Amino acid sequence: MATDVKSQVEARFKVLMDAYNAGDFKGVSDCYTTDCQCVAAKKDITIGHEACRKVCQEFLDSDAKTLEYKIEHLTSSPDGELAYLIARVSMFKADGSSAGIANNLLIWKKVDGEYFACVDMFN
């Protein structure tokens, strides 16, 4: 995988996670394609920015106030148009105690030279 793809996707993922931690769900949804799909455990598959914001709000309401991540794997298609990222996400309550750990798989799509998450699957 080209280093530039890796650095671009890593940077976009950081923007997404920073926006979540700031409670900026519009900023989160701006990191996704307009037809993005969120696939969460025990939930219906949701499609689009508004659905993405709703999923984030539900996640926040469930006690996951802040997130920290470790990228486990990141690779791209040979043409660099798609990439996927697997991360281990630690969730924390408002008091700093653990709210659990989740696995996260994001598929990133290059749109007009910039990467956007088009599928976000987490458990």
PDB file of N, CA and C in Angstrom:
ATOM      1  N   MET A   1       0.850  -1.185   0.000  1.00  0.00           N
ATOM      2  CA  MET A   1       0.000   0.000   0.000  1.00  0.00           C
ATOM      3  C   MET A   1       0.886   1.235   0.000  1.00  0.00           C
ATOM      4  N   ALA A   2       0.474   2.195  -0.767  1.00  0.00           N
ATOM      5  CA  ALA A   2       1.235   3.441  -0.838  1.00  0.00           C
ATOM      6  C   ALA A   2       1.173   4.167   0.502  1.00  0.00           C
ATOM      7  N   THR A   3       2.295   4.721   0.902  1.00  0.00           N
ATOM      8  CA  THR A   3       2.387   5.436   2.174  1.00  0.00           C
ATOM      9  C   THR A   3       1.417   6.603   2.228  1.00  0.00           C
ATOM     10  N   ASP A   4       1.203   7.288   1.093  1.00  0.00           N
ATOM     11  CA  ASP A   4       0.296   8.429   1.104  1.00  0.00           C
ATOM     12  C   ASP A   4      -1.141   8.015   1.402  1.00  0.00           C
ATOM     13  N   VAL A   5      -1.578   6.844   0.906  1.00  0.00           N
ATOM     14  CA  VAL A   5      -2.922   6.345   1.224  1.00  0.00           C
ATOM     15  C   VAL A   5      -3.022   6.099   2.718  1.00  0.00           C
ATOM     16  N   LYS A   6      -2.027   5.429   3.261  1.00  0.00           N
ATOM     17  CA  LYS A   6      -2.031   5.122   4.692  1.00  0.00           C
ATOM     18  C   LYS A   6      -2.089   6.397   5.519  1.00  0.00           C
ATOM     19  N   SER A   7      -1.252   7.351   5.211  1.00  0.00           N
ATOM     20  CA  SER A   7      -1.225   8.580   6.009  1.00  0.00           C
ATOM     21  C   SER A   7      -2.519   9.370   5.852  1.00  0.00           C
ATOM     22  N   GLN A   8      -3.101   9.374   4.652  1.00  0.00           N
ATOM     23  CA  GLN A   8      -4.359  10.095   4.437  1.00  0.00           C
ATOM     24  C   GLN A   8      -5.507   9.457   5.220  1.00  0.00           C
ATOM     25  N   VAL A   9      -5.598   8.141   5.178  1.00  0.00           N
ATOM     26  CA  VAL A   9      -6.683   7.450   5.896  1.00  0.00           C
ATOM     27  C   VAL A   9      -6.484   7.574   7.406  1.00  0.00           C
ATOM     28  N   GLU A  10      -5.259   7.423   7.867  1.00  0.00           N
ATOM     29  CA  GLU A  10      -4.993   7.607   9.300  1.00  0.00           C
ATOM     30  C   GLU A  10      -5.399   9.010   9.752  1.00  0.00           C
ATOM     31  N   ALA A  11      -5.076  10.012   8.951  1.00  0.00           N
ATOM     32  CA  ALA A  11      -5.418  11.395   9.295  1.00  0.00           C
ATOM     33  C   ALA A  11      -6.932  11.594   9.325  1.00  0.00           C
ATOM     34  N   ARG A  12      -7.638  11.024   8.359  1.00  0.00           N
ATOM     35  CA  ARG A  12      -9.107  11.153   8.328  1.00  0.00           C
ATOM     36  C   ARG A  12      -9.735  10.455   9.530  1.00  0.00           C
ATOM     37  N   PHE A  13      -9.202   9.290   9.901  1.00  0.00           N
ATOM     38  CA  PHE A  13      -9.730   8.572  11.062  1.00  0.00           C
ATOM     39  C   PHE A  13      -9.513   9.387  12.332  1.00  0.00           C
ATOM     40  N   LYS A  14      -8.372  10.029  12.432  1.00  0.00           N
ATOM     41  CA  LYS A  14      -8.103  10.884  13.595  1.00  0.00           C
ATOM     42  C   LYS A  14      -9.097  12.050  13.640  1.00  0.00           C
ATOM     43  N   VAL A  15      -9.381  12.660  12.507  1.00  0.00           N
ATOM     44  CA  VAL A  15     -10.373  13.744  12.452  1.00  0.00           C
ATOM     45  C   VAL A  15     -11.724  13.232  12.948  1.00  0.00           C
ATOM     46  N   LEU A  16     -12.116  12.057  12.477  1.00  0.00           N
ATOM     47  CA  LEU A  16     -13.384  11.457  12.881  1.00  0.00           C
ATOM     48  C   LEU A  16     -13.418  11.241  14.395  1.00  0.00           C
ATOM     49  N   MET A  17     -12.380  10.624  14.939  1.00  0.00           N
ATOM     50  CA  MET A  17     -12.348  10.322  16.377  1.00  0.00           C
ATOM     51  C   MET A  17     -12.279  11.604  17.219  1.00  0.00           C
ATOM     52  N   ASP A  18     -11.510  12.579  16.770  1.00  0.00           N
ATOM     53  CA  ASP A  18     -11.442  13.859  17.495  1.00  0.00           C
ATOM     54  C   ASP A  18     -12.804  14.546  17.508  1.00  0.00           C
ATOM     55  N   ALA A  19     -13.517  14.480  16.378  1.00  0.00           N
ATOM     56  CA  ALA A  19     -14.850  15.087  16.317  1.00  0.00           C
ATOM     57  C   ALA A  19     -15.797  14.380  17.287  1.00  0.00           C
ATOM     58  N   TYR A  20     -15.740  13.057  17.335  1.00  0.00           N
ATOM     59  CA  TYR A  20     -16.588  12.321  18.281  1.00  0.00           C
ATOM     60  C   TYR A  20     -16.285  12.770  19.708  1.00  0.00           C
ATOM     61  N   ASN A  21     -15.023  12.789  20.056  1.00  0.00           N
ATOM     62  CA  ASN A  21     -14.632  13.149  21.421  1.00  0.00           C
ATOM     63  C   ASN A  21     -15.014  14.582  21.782  1.00  0.00           C
ATOM     64  N   ALA A  22     -15.167  15.441  20.777  1.00  0.00           N
ATOM     65  CA  ALA A  22     -15.588  16.828  21.004  1.00  0.00           C
ATOM     66  C   ALA A  22     -17.117  16.955  20.996  1.00  0.00           C
ATOM     67  N   GLY A  23     -17.819  15.845  20.721  1.00  0.00           N
ATOM     68  CA  GLY A  23     -19.278  15.891  20.641  1.00  0.00           C
ATOM     69  C   GLY A  23     -19.764  16.555  19.358  1.00  0.00           C
ATOM     70  N   ASP A  24     -18.892  16.635  18.366  1.00  0.00           N
ATOM     71  CA  ASP A  24     -19.213  17.282  17.096  1.00  0.00           C
ATOM     72  C   ASP A  24     -19.654  16.219  16.086  1.00  0.00           C
ATOM     73  N   PHE A  25     -20.927  15.838  16.154  1.00  0.00           N
ATOM     74  CA  PHE A  25     -21.396  14.748  15.308  1.00  0.00           C
ATOM     75  C   PHE A  25     -21.587  15.171  13.851  1.00  0.00           C
ATOM     76  N   LYS A  26     -21.733  16.459  13.597  1.00  0.00           N
ATOM     77  CA  LYS A  26     -21.709  16.924  12.209  1.00  0.00           C
ATOM     78  C   LYS A  26     -20.302  16.710  11.658  1.00  0.00           C
ATOM     79  N   GLY A  27     -19.288  17.037  12.469  1.00  0.00           N
ATOM     80  CA  GLY A  27     -17.905  16.794  12.067  1.00  0.00           C
ATOM     81  C   GLY A  27     -17.636  15.323  11.825  1.00  0.00           C
ATOM     82  N   VAL A  28     -18.237  14.474  12.657  1.00  0.00           N
ATOM     83  CA  VAL A  28     -18.105  13.024  12.453  1.00  0.00           C
ATOM     84  C   VAL A  28     -18.720  12.653  11.112  1.00  0.00           C
ATOM     85  N   SER A  29     -19.972  13.064  10.903  1.00  0.00           N
ATOM     86  CA  SER A  29     -20.666  12.650   9.678  1.00  0.00           C
ATOM     87  C   SER A  29     -19.994  13.219   8.428  1.00  0.00           C
ATOM     88  N   ASP A  30     -19.313  14.340   8.543  1.00  0.00           N
ATOM     89  CA  ASP A  30     -18.583  14.904   7.406  1.00  0.00           C
ATOM     90  C   ASP A  30     -17.421  14.020   6.961  1.00  0.00           C
ATOM     91  N   CYS A  31     -17.029  13.070   7.789  1.00  0.00           N
ATOM     92  CA  CYS A  31     -15.959  12.133   7.440  1.00  0.00           C
ATOM     93  C   CYS A  31     -16.483  10.922   6.661  1.00  0.00           C
ATOM     94  N   TYR A  32     -17.806  10.878   6.461  1.00  0.00           N
ATOM     95  CA  TYR A  32     -18.452   9.757   5.785  1.00  0.00           C
ATOM     96  C   TYR A  32     -19.008  10.183   4.431  1.00  0.00           C
ATOM     97  N   THR A  33     -19.170   9.217   3.532  1.00  0.00           N
ATOM     98  CA  THR A  33     -19.873   9.473   2.279  1.00  0.00           C
ATOM     99  C   THR A  33     -21.338   9.751   2.604  1.00  0.00           C
ATOM    100  N   THR A  34     -22.033  10.435   1.710  1.00  0.00           N
ATOM    101  CA  THR A  34     -23.443  10.767   1.971  1.00  0.00           C
ATOM    102  C   THR A  34     -24.320   9.522   2.039  1.00  0.00           C
ATOM    103  N   ASP A  35     -23.872   8.428   1.425  1.00  0.00           N
ATOM    104  CA  ASP A  35     -24.636   7.182   1.464  1.00  0.00           C
ATOM    105  C   ASP A  35     -23.977   6.136   2.376  1.00  0.00           C
ATOM    106  N   CYS A  36     -23.255   6.608   3.370  1.00  0.00           N
ATOM    107  CA  CYS A  36     -22.535   5.707   4.273  1.00  0.00           C
ATOM    108  C   CYS A  36     -23.499   4.739   4.965  1.00  0.00           C
ATOM    109  N   GLN A  37     -22.946   3.608   5.356  1.00  0.00           N
ATOM    110  CA  GLN A  37     -23.714   2.606   6.078  1.00  0.00           C
ATOM    111  C   GLN A  37     -23.029   2.340   7.412  1.00  0.00           C
ATOM    112  N   CYS A  38     -23.800   2.402   8.497  1.00  0.00           N
ATOM    113  CA  CYS A  38     -23.292   2.059   9.822  1.00  0.00           C
ATOM    114  C   CYS A  38     -23.895   0.726  10.224  1.00  0.00           C
ATOM    115  N   VAL A  39     -23.023  -0.206  10.582  1.00  0.00           N
ATOM    116  CA  VAL A  39     -23.451  -1.542  10.955  1.00  0.00           C
ATOM    117  C   VAL A  39     -23.003  -1.771  12.395  1.00  0.00           C
ATOM    118  N   ALA A  40     -23.958  -1.708  13.317  1.00  0.00           N
ATOM    119  CA  ALA A  40     -23.662  -1.860  14.738  1.00  0.00           C
ATOM    120  C   ALA A  40     -24.321  -3.133  15.266  1.00  0.00           C
ATOM    121  N   ALA A  41     -23.688  -3.732  16.258  1.00  0.00           N
ATOM    122  CA  ALA A  41     -24.229  -4.943  16.866  1.00  0.00           C
ATOM    123  C   ALA A  41     -25.642  -4.685  17.391  1.00  0.00           C
ATOM    124  N   LYS A  42     -26.544  -5.607  17.089  1.00  0.00           N
ATOM    125  CA  LYS A  42     -27.923  -5.584  17.587  1.00  0.00           C
ATOM    126  C   LYS A  42     -28.711  -4.352  17.140  1.00  0.00           C
ATOM    127  N   LYS A  43     -28.309  -3.750  16.043  1.00  0.00           N
ATOM    128  CA  LYS A  43     -28.990  -2.570  15.501  1.00  0.00           C
ATOM    129  C   LYS A  43     -29.289  -2.804  14.022  1.00  0.00           C
ATOM    130  N   ASP A  44     -30.267  -2.070  13.507  1.00  0.00           N
ATOM    131  CA  ASP A  44     -30.514  -2.093  12.073  1.00  0.00           C
ATOM    132  C   ASP A  44     -29.362  -1.376  11.367  1.00  0.00           C
ATOM    133  N   ILE A  45     -29.099  -1.739  10.132  1.00  0.00           N
ATOM    134  CA  ILE A  45     -28.110  -1.033   9.325  1.00  0.00           C
ATOM    135  C   ILE A  45     -28.695   0.342   9.002  1.00  0.00           C
ATOM    136  N   THR A  46     -27.905   1.379   9.231  1.00  0.00           N
ATOM    137  CA  THR A  46     -28.365   2.741   8.960  1.00  0.00           C
ATOM    138  C   THR A  46     -27.603   3.296   7.771  1.00  0.00           C
ATOM    139  N   ILE A  47     -28.258   4.191   7.045  1.00  0.00           N
ATOM    140  CA  ILE A  47     -27.659   4.754   5.837  1.00  0.00           C
ATOM    141  C   ILE A  47     -27.789   6.271   5.854  1.00  0.00           C
ATOM    142  N   GLY A  48     -26.681   6.966   5.583  1.00  0.00           N
ATOM    143  CA  GLY A  48     -26.689   8.411   5.414  1.00  0.00           C
ATOM    144  C   GLY A  48     -26.186   9.185   6.613  1.00  0.00           C
ATOM    145  N   HIS A  49     -25.935  10.467   6.392  1.00  0.00           N
ATOM    146  CA  HIS A  49     -25.363  11.345   7.418  1.00  0.00           C
ATOM    147  C   HIS A  49     -26.248  11.478   8.653  1.00  0.00           C
ATOM    148  N   GLU A  50     -27.535  11.710   8.463  1.00  0.00           N
ATOM    149  CA  GLU A  50     -28.420  11.883   9.620  1.00  0.00           C
ATOM    150  C   GLU A  50     -28.451  10.618  10.470  1.00  0.00           C
ATOM    151  N   ALA A  51     -28.485   9.475   9.828  1.00  0.00           N
ATOM    152  CA  ALA A  51     -28.465   8.204  10.553  1.00  0.00           C
ATOM    153  C   ALA A  51     -27.141   8.032  11.295  1.00  0.00           C
ATOM    154  N   CYS A  52     -26.053   8.468  10.681  1.00  0.00           N
ATOM    155  CA  CYS A  52     -24.740   8.402  11.313  1.00  0.00           C
ATOM    156  C   CYS A  52     -24.716   9.252  12.580  1.00  0.00           C
ATOM    157  N   ARG A  53     -25.271  10.467  12.498  1.00  0.00           N
ATOM    158  CA  ARG A  53     -25.326  11.335  13.681  1.00  0.00           C
ATOM    159  C   ARG A  53     -26.155  10.698  14.787  1.00  0.00           C
ATOM    160  N   LYS A  54     -27.249  10.053  14.417  1.00  0.00           N
ATOM    161  CA  LYS A  54     -28.107   9.396  15.397  1.00  0.00           C
ATOM    162  C   LYS A  54     -27.371   8.245  16.089  1.00  0.00           C
ATOM    163  N   VAL A  55     -26.647   7.457  15.324  1.00  0.00           N
ATOM    164  CA  VAL A  55     -25.866   6.356  15.902  1.00  0.00           C
ATOM    165  C   VAL A  55     -24.835   6.909  16.882  1.00  0.00           C
ATOM    166  N   CYS A  56     -24.151   7.996  16.509  1.00  0.00           N
ATOM    167  CA  CYS A  56     -23.165   8.614  17.407  1.00  0.00           C
ATOM    168  C   CYS A  56     -23.823   9.083  18.698  1.00  0.00           C
ATOM    169  N   GLN A  57     -24.971   9.715  18.582  1.00  0.00           N
ATOM    170  CA  GLN A  57     -25.665  10.198  19.774  1.00  0.00           C
ATOM    171  C   GLN A  57     -26.078   9.039  20.675  1.00  0.00           C
ATOM    172  N   GLU A  58     -26.577   7.962  20.091  1.00  0.00           N
ATOM    173  CA  GLU A  58     -26.953   6.781  20.876  1.00  0.00           C
ATOM    174  C   GLU A  58     -25.733   6.190  21.578  1.00  0.00           C
ATOM    175  N   PHE A  59     -24.613   6.171  20.869  1.00  0.00           N
ATOM    176  CA  PHE A  59     -23.368   5.649  21.433  1.00  0.00           C
ATOM    177  C   PHE A  59     -22.937   6.508  22.620  1.00  0.00           C
ATOM    178  N   LEU A  60     -22.986   7.818  22.439  1.00  0.00           N
ATOM    179  CA  LEU A  60     -22.635   8.749  23.510  1.00  0.00           C
ATOM    180  C   LEU A  60     -23.582   8.581  24.701  1.00  0.00           C
ATOM    181  N   ASP A  61     -24.866   8.457  24.427  1.00  0.00           N
ATOM    182  CA  ASP A  61     -25.860   8.282  25.484  1.00  0.00           C
ATOM    183  C   ASP A  61     -25.683   6.970  26.248  1.00  0.00           C
ATOM    184  N   SER A  62     -25.021   5.999  25.620  1.00  0.00           N
ATOM    185  CA  SER A  62     -24.810   4.707  26.272  1.00  0.00           C
ATOM    186  C   SER A  62     -23.590   4.717  27.190  1.00  0.00           C
ATOM    187  N   ASP A  63     -22.996   5.864  27.427  1.00  0.00           N
ATOM    188  CA  ASP A  63     -21.867   6.050  28.345  1.00  0.00           C
ATOM    189  C   ASP A  63     -20.504   6.152  27.681  1.00  0.00           C
ATOM    190  N   ALA A  64     -20.409   5.960  26.387  1.00  0.00           N
ATOM    191  CA  ALA A  64     -19.118   6.083  25.709  1.00  0.00           C
ATOM    192  C   ALA A  64     -18.871   7.565  25.404  1.00  0.00           C
ATOM    193  N   LYS A  65     -18.394   8.296  26.407  1.00  0.00           N
ATOM    194  CA  LYS A  65     -18.215   9.752  26.266  1.00  0.00           C
ATOM    195  C   LYS A  65     -16.975  10.108  25.469  1.00  0.00           C
ATOM    196  N   THR A  66     -15.905   9.355  25.645  1.00  0.00           N
ATOM    197  CA  THR A  66     -14.692   9.578  24.857  1.00  0.00           C
ATOM    198  C   THR A  66     -14.162   8.241  24.365  1.00  0.00           C
ATOM    199  N   LEU A  67     -13.421   8.305  23.274  1.00  0.00           N
ATOM    200  CA  LEU A  67     -12.869   7.110  22.648  1.00  0.00           C
ATOM    201  C   LEU A  67     -11.374   7.280  22.436  1.00  0.00           C
ATOM    202  N   GLU A  68     -10.654   6.193  22.615  1.00  0.00           N
ATOM    203  CA  GLU A  68      -9.239   6.125  22.236  1.00  0.00           C
ATOM    204  C   GLU A  68      -9.100   4.924  21.317  1.00  0.00           C
ATOM    205  N   TYR A  69      -8.205   5.004  20.362  1.00  0.00           N
ATOM    206  CA  TYR A  69      -8.106   3.927  19.391  1.00  0.00           C
ATOM    207  C   TYR A  69      -6.667   3.512  19.135  1.00  0.00           C
ATOM    208  N   LYS A  70      -6.551   2.283  18.657  1.00  0.00           N
ATOM    209  CA  LYS A  70      -5.277   1.767  18.166  1.00  0.00           C
ATOM    210  C   LYS A  70      -5.572   1.102  16.837  1.00  0.00           C
ATOM    211  N   ILE A  71      -4.958   1.605  15.781  1.00  0.00           N
ATOM    212  CA  ILE A  71      -5.145   1.002  14.464  1.00  0.00           C
ATOM    213  C   ILE A  71      -4.381  -0.315  14.433  1.00  0.00           C
ATOM    214  N   GLU A  72      -5.108  -1.381  14.155  1.00  0.00           N
ATOM    215  CA  GLU A  72      -4.511  -2.719  14.101  1.00  0.00           C
ATOM    216  C   GLU A  72      -4.059  -3.086  12.691  1.00  0.00           C
ATOM    217  N   HIS A  73      -4.806  -2.600  11.697  1.00  0.00           N
ATOM    218  CA  HIS A  73      -4.489  -2.956  10.312  1.00  0.00           C
ATOM    219  C   HIS A  73      -5.072  -1.895   9.386  1.00  0.00           C
ATOM    220  N   LEU A  74      -4.331  -1.582   8.344  1.00  0.00           N
ATOM    221  CA  LEU A  74      -4.788  -0.619   7.347  1.00  0.00           C
ATOM    222  C   LEU A  74      -4.174  -1.006   6.017  1.00  0.00           C
ATOM    223  N   THR A  75      -5.020  -1.195   5.022  1.00  0.00           N
ATOM    224  CA  THR A  75      -4.529  -1.538   3.693  1.00  0.00           C
ATOM    225  C   THR A  75      -5.470  -0.942   2.656  1.00  0.00           C
ATOM    226  N   SER A  76      -5.022  -0.928   1.404  1.00  0.00           N
ATOM    227  CA  SER A  76      -5.846  -0.342   0.346  1.00  0.00           C
ATOM    228  C   SER A  76      -5.884  -1.254  -0.867  1.00  0.00           C
ATOM    229  N   SER A  77      -6.837  -0.947  -1.748  1.00  0.00           N
ATOM    230  CA  SER A  77      -6.901  -1.635  -3.032  1.00  0.00           C
ATOM    231  C   SER A  77      -5.688  -1.210  -3.859  1.00  0.00           C
ATOM    232  N   PRO A  78      -5.308  -2.007  -4.854  1.00  0.00           N
ATOM    233  CA  PRO A  78      -4.137  -1.649  -5.665  1.00  0.00           C
ATOM    234  C   PRO A  78      -4.227  -0.268  -6.314  1.00  0.00           C
ATOM    235  N   ASP A  79      -5.439   0.173  -6.671  1.00  0.00           N
ATOM    236  CA  ASP A  79      -5.575   1.480  -7.315  1.00  0.00           C
ATOM    237  C   ASP A  79      -5.740   2.624  -6.309  1.00  0.00           C
ATOM    238  N   GLY A  80      -5.814   2.299  -5.010  1.00  0.00           N
ATOM    239  CA  GLY A  80      -5.918   3.318  -3.979  1.00  0.00           C
ATOM    240  C   GLY A  80      -7.294   3.942  -3.841  1.00  0.00           C
ATOM    241  N   GLU A  81      -8.288   3.422  -4.559  1.00  0.00           N
ATOM    242  CA  GLU A  81      -9.635   3.992  -4.498  1.00  0.00           C
ATOM    243  C   GLU A  81     -10.388   3.583  -3.231  1.00  0.00           C
ATOM    244  N   LEU A  82     -10.038   2.436  -2.669  1.00  0.00           N
ATOM    245  CA  LEU A  82     -10.652   1.944  -1.438  1.00  0.00           C
ATOM    246  C   LEU A  82      -9.559   1.574  -0.444  1.00  0.00           C
ATOM    247  N   ALA A  83      -9.879   1.702   0.816  1.00  0.00           N
ATOM    248  CA  ALA A  83      -8.966   1.266   1.870  1.00  0.00           C
ATOM    249  C   ALA A  83      -9.820   0.723   3.001  1.00  0.00           C
ATOM    250  N   TYR A  84      -9.237  -0.145   3.808  1.00  0.00           N
ATOM    251  CA  TYR A  84      -9.957  -0.541   5.008  1.00  0.00           C
ATOM    252  C   TYR A  84      -9.041  -0.457   6.208  1.00  0.00           C
ATOM    253  N   LEU A  85      -9.663  -0.137   7.320  1.00  0.00           N
ATOM    254  CA  LEU A  85      -8.953   0.098   8.565  1.00  0.00           C
ATOM    255  C   LEU A  85      -9.645  -0.713   9.663  1.00  0.00           C
ATOM    256  N   ILE A  86      -8.870  -1.428  10.427  1.00  0.00           N
ATOM    257  CA  ILE A  86      -9.380  -2.156  11.599  1.00  0.00           C
ATOM    258  C   ILE A  86      -8.748  -1.516  12.824  1.00  0.00           C
ATOM    259  N   ALA A  87      -9.588  -1.151  13.780  1.00  0.00           N
ATOM    260  CA  ALA A  87      -9.092  -0.504  14.997  1.00  0.00           C
ATOM    261  C   ALA A  87      -9.715  -1.164  16.226  1.00  0.00           C
ATOM    262  N   ARG A  88      -8.984  -1.094  17.294  1.00  0.00           N
ATOM    263  CA  ARG A  88      -9.464  -1.493  18.612  1.00  0.00           C
ATOM    264  C   ARG A  88      -9.760  -0.184  19.336  1.00  0.00           C
ATOM    265  N   VAL A  89     -10.991  -0.039  19.805  1.00  0.00           N
ATOM    266  CA  VAL A  89     -11.437   1.220  20.378  1.00  0.00           C
ATOM    267  C   VAL A  89     -11.768   1.030  21.862  1.00  0.00           C
ATOM    268  N   SER A  90     -11.105   1.811  22.696  1.00  0.00           N
ATOM    269  CA  SER A  90     -11.405   1.823  24.131  1.00  0.00           C
ATOM    270  C   SER A  90     -12.364   2.974  24.392  1.00  0.00           C
ATOM    271  N   MET A  91     -13.442   2.673  25.120  1.00  0.00           N
ATOM    272  CA  MET A  91     -14.474   3.664  25.402  1.00  0.00           C
ATOM    273  C   MET A  91     -14.412   4.037  26.882  1.00  0.00           C
ATOM    274  N   PHE A  92     -14.645   5.317  27.169  1.00  0.00           N
ATOM    275  CA  PHE A  92     -14.557   5.799  28.542  1.00  0.00           C
ATOM    276  C   PHE A  92     -15.788   6.600  28.931  1.00  0.00           C
ATOM    277  N   LYS A  93     -16.211   6.425  30.164  1.00  0.00           N
ATOM    278  CA  LYS A  93     -17.323   7.194  30.726  1.00  0.00           C
ATOM    279  C   LYS A  93     -16.833   8.601  31.058  1.00  0.00           C
ATOM    280  N   ALA A  94     -17.764   9.460  31.427  1.00  0.00           N
ATOM    281  CA  ALA A  94     -17.429  10.854  31.755  1.00  0.00           C
ATOM    282  C   ALA A  94     -16.440  10.940  32.912  1.00  0.00           C
ATOM    283  N   ASP A  95     -16.478   9.985  33.839  1.00  0.00           N
ATOM    284  CA  ASP A  95     -15.560  10.013  34.985  1.00  0.00           C
ATOM    285  C   ASP A  95     -14.198   9.396  34.671  1.00  0.00           C
ATOM    286  N   GLY A  96     -14.003   8.963  33.418  1.00  0.00           N
ATOM    287  CA  GLY A  96     -12.722   8.392  33.010  1.00  0.00           C
ATOM    288  C   GLY A  96     -12.625   6.889  33.167  1.00  0.00           C
ATOM    289  N   SER A  97     -13.624   6.268  33.789  1.00  0.00           N
ATOM    290  CA  SER A  97     -13.593   4.813  33.944  1.00  0.00           C
ATOM    291  C   SER A  97     -13.980   4.142  32.624  1.00  0.00           C
ATOM    292  N   SER A  98     -13.632   2.886  32.495  1.00  0.00           N
ATOM    293  CA  SER A  98     -13.866   2.155  31.255  1.00  0.00           C
ATOM    294  C   SER A  98     -15.353   1.942  30.995  1.00  0.00           C
ATOM    295  N   ALA A  99     -15.731   2.148  29.748  1.00  0.00           N
ATOM    296  CA  ALA A  99     -17.090   1.835  29.293  1.00  0.00           C
ATOM    297  C   ALA A  99     -17.048   0.636  28.345  1.00  0.00           C
ATOM    298  N   GLY A 100     -15.867   0.017  28.211  1.00  0.00           N
ATOM    299  CA  GLY A 100     -15.730  -1.167  27.375  1.00  0.00           C
ATOM    300  C   GLY A 100     -14.754  -0.975  26.230  1.00  0.00           C
ATOM    301  N   ILE A 101     -14.652  -2.035  25.449  1.00  0.00           N
ATOM    302  CA  ILE A 101     -13.757  -2.057  24.289  1.00  0.00           C
ATOM    303  C   ILE A 101     -14.564  -2.552  23.098  1.00  0.00           C
ATOM    304  N   ALA A 102     -14.318  -1.973  21.949  1.00  0.00           N
ATOM    305  CA  ALA A 102     -15.014  -2.377  20.732  1.00  0.00           C
ATOM    306  C   ALA A 102     -14.012  -2.593  19.608  1.00  0.00           C
ATOM    307  N   ASN A 103     -14.421  -3.369  18.644  1.00  0.00           N
ATOM    308  CA  ASN A 103     -13.663  -3.538  17.411  1.00  0.00           C
ATOM    309  C   ASN A 103     -14.357  -2.722  16.335  1.00  0.00           C
ATOM    310  N   ASN A 104     -13.583  -2.105  15.469  1.00  0.00           N
ATOM    311  CA  ASN A 104     -14.125  -1.206  14.466  1.00  0.00           C
ATOM    312  C   ASN A 104     -13.491  -1.504  13.113  1.00  0.00           C
ATOM    313  N   LEU A 105     -14.325  -1.684  12.101  1.00  0.00           N
ATOM    314  CA  LEU A 105     -13.870  -1.868  10.729  1.00  0.00           C
ATOM    315  C   LEU A 105     -14.488  -0.759   9.896  1.00  0.00           C
ATOM    316  N   LEU A 106     -13.659   0.023   9.251  1.00  0.00           N
ATOM    317  CA  LEU A 106     -14.135   1.077   8.363  1.00  0.00           C
ATOM    318  C   LEU A 106     -13.603   0.833   6.967  1.00  0.00           C
ATOM    319  N   ILE A 107     -14.493   0.966   5.987  1.00  0.00           N
ATOM    320  CA  ILE A 107     -14.091   0.933   4.586  1.00  0.00           C
ATOM    321  C   ILE A 107     -14.114   2.377   4.108  1.00  0.00           C
ATOM    322  N   TRP A 108     -13.004   2.804   3.545  1.00  0.00           N
ATOM    323  CA  TRP A 108     -12.826   4.189   3.092  1.00  0.00           C
ATOM    324  C   TRP A 108     -12.841   4.224   1.574  1.00  0.00           C
ATOM    325  N   LYS A 109     -13.517   5.220   1.033  1.00  0.00           N
ATOM    326  CA  LYS A 109     -13.647   5.393  -0.412  1.00  0.00           C
ATOM    327  C   LYS A 109     -13.083   6.763  -0.794  1.00  0.00           C
ATOM    328  N   LYS A 110     -12.304   6.790  -1.853  1.00  0.00           N
ATOM    329  CA  LYS A 110     -11.729   8.047  -2.324  1.00  0.00           C
ATOM    330  C   LYS A 110     -12.766   8.779  -3.179  1.00  0.00           C
ATOM    331  N   VAL A 111     -13.096   9.989  -2.767  1.00  0.00           N
ATOM    332  CA  VAL A 111     -14.075  10.818  -3.476  1.00  0.00           C
ATOM    333  C   VAL A 111     -13.425  12.176  -3.732  1.00  0.00           C
ATOM    334  N   ASP A 112     -13.275  12.524  -4.981  1.00  0.00           N
ATOM    335  CA  ASP A 112     -12.649  13.798  -5.354  1.00  0.00           C
ATOM    336  C   ASP A 112     -11.310  14.005  -4.650  1.00  0.00           C
ATOM    337  N   GLY A 113     -10.507  12.934  -4.573  1.00  0.00           N
ATOM    338  CA  GLY A 113      -9.160  13.023  -4.025  1.00  0.00           C
ATOM    339  C   GLY A 113      -9.054  12.922  -2.512  1.00  0.00           C
ATOM    340  N   GLU A 114     -10.185  12.763  -1.815  1.00  0.00           N
ATOM    341  CA  GLU A 114     -10.172  12.687  -0.347  1.00  0.00           C
ATOM    342  C   GLU A 114     -10.894  11.418   0.095  1.00  0.00           C
ATOM    343  N   TYR A 115     -10.435  10.834   1.200  1.00  0.00           N
ATOM    344  CA  TYR A 115     -11.041   9.604   1.695  1.00  0.00           C
ATOM    345  C   TYR A 115     -12.191   9.889   2.654  1.00  0.00           C
ATOM    346  N   PHE A 116     -13.284   9.147   2.445  1.00  0.00           N
ATOM    347  CA  PHE A 116     -14.456   9.208   3.295  1.00  0.00           C
ATOM    348  C   PHE A 116     -14.843   7.785   3.662  1.00  0.00           C
ATOM    349  N   ALA A 117     -15.294   7.582   4.892  1.00  0.00           N
ATOM    350  CA  ALA A 117     -15.752   6.266   5.311  1.00  0.00           C
ATOM    351  C   ALA A 117     -17.099   5.996   4.633  1.00  0.00           C
ATOM    352  N   CYS A 118     -17.216   4.838   3.992  1.00  0.00           N
ATOM    353  CA  CYS A 118     -18.487   4.493   3.347  1.00  0.00           C
ATOM    354  C   CYS A 118     -19.185   3.360   4.092  1.00  0.00           C
ATOM    355  N   VAL A 119     -18.432   2.584   4.863  1.00  0.00           N
ATOM    356  CA  VAL A 119     -19.001   1.550   5.723  1.00  0.00           C
ATOM    357  C   VAL A 119     -18.273   1.608   7.057  1.00  0.00           C
ATOM    358  N   ASP A 120     -19.050   1.591   8.133  1.00  0.00           N
ATOM    359  CA  ASP A 120     -18.500   1.583   9.482  1.00  0.00           C
ATOM    360  C   ASP A 120     -19.180   0.453  10.248  1.00  0.00           C
ATOM    361  N   MET A 121     -18.396  -0.537  10.598  1.00  0.00           N
ATOM    362  CA  MET A 121     -18.935  -1.693  11.310  1.00  0.00           C
ATOM    363  C   MET A 121     -18.234  -1.800  12.650  1.00  0.00           C
ATOM    364  N   PHE A 122     -19.016  -1.884  13.720  1.00  0.00           N
ATOM    365  CA  PHE A 122     -18.415  -1.990  15.049  1.00  0.00           C
ATOM    366  C   PHE A 122     -19.272  -2.856  15.954  1.00  0.00           C
ATOM    367  N   ASN A 123     -18.579  -3.438  16.941  1.00  0.00           N
ATOM    368  CA  ASN A 123     -19.304  -4.241  17.924  1.00  0.00           C
ATOM    369  C   ASN A 123     -18.802  -3.927  19.309  1.00  0.00           C
TER     370      ASN A 123
END
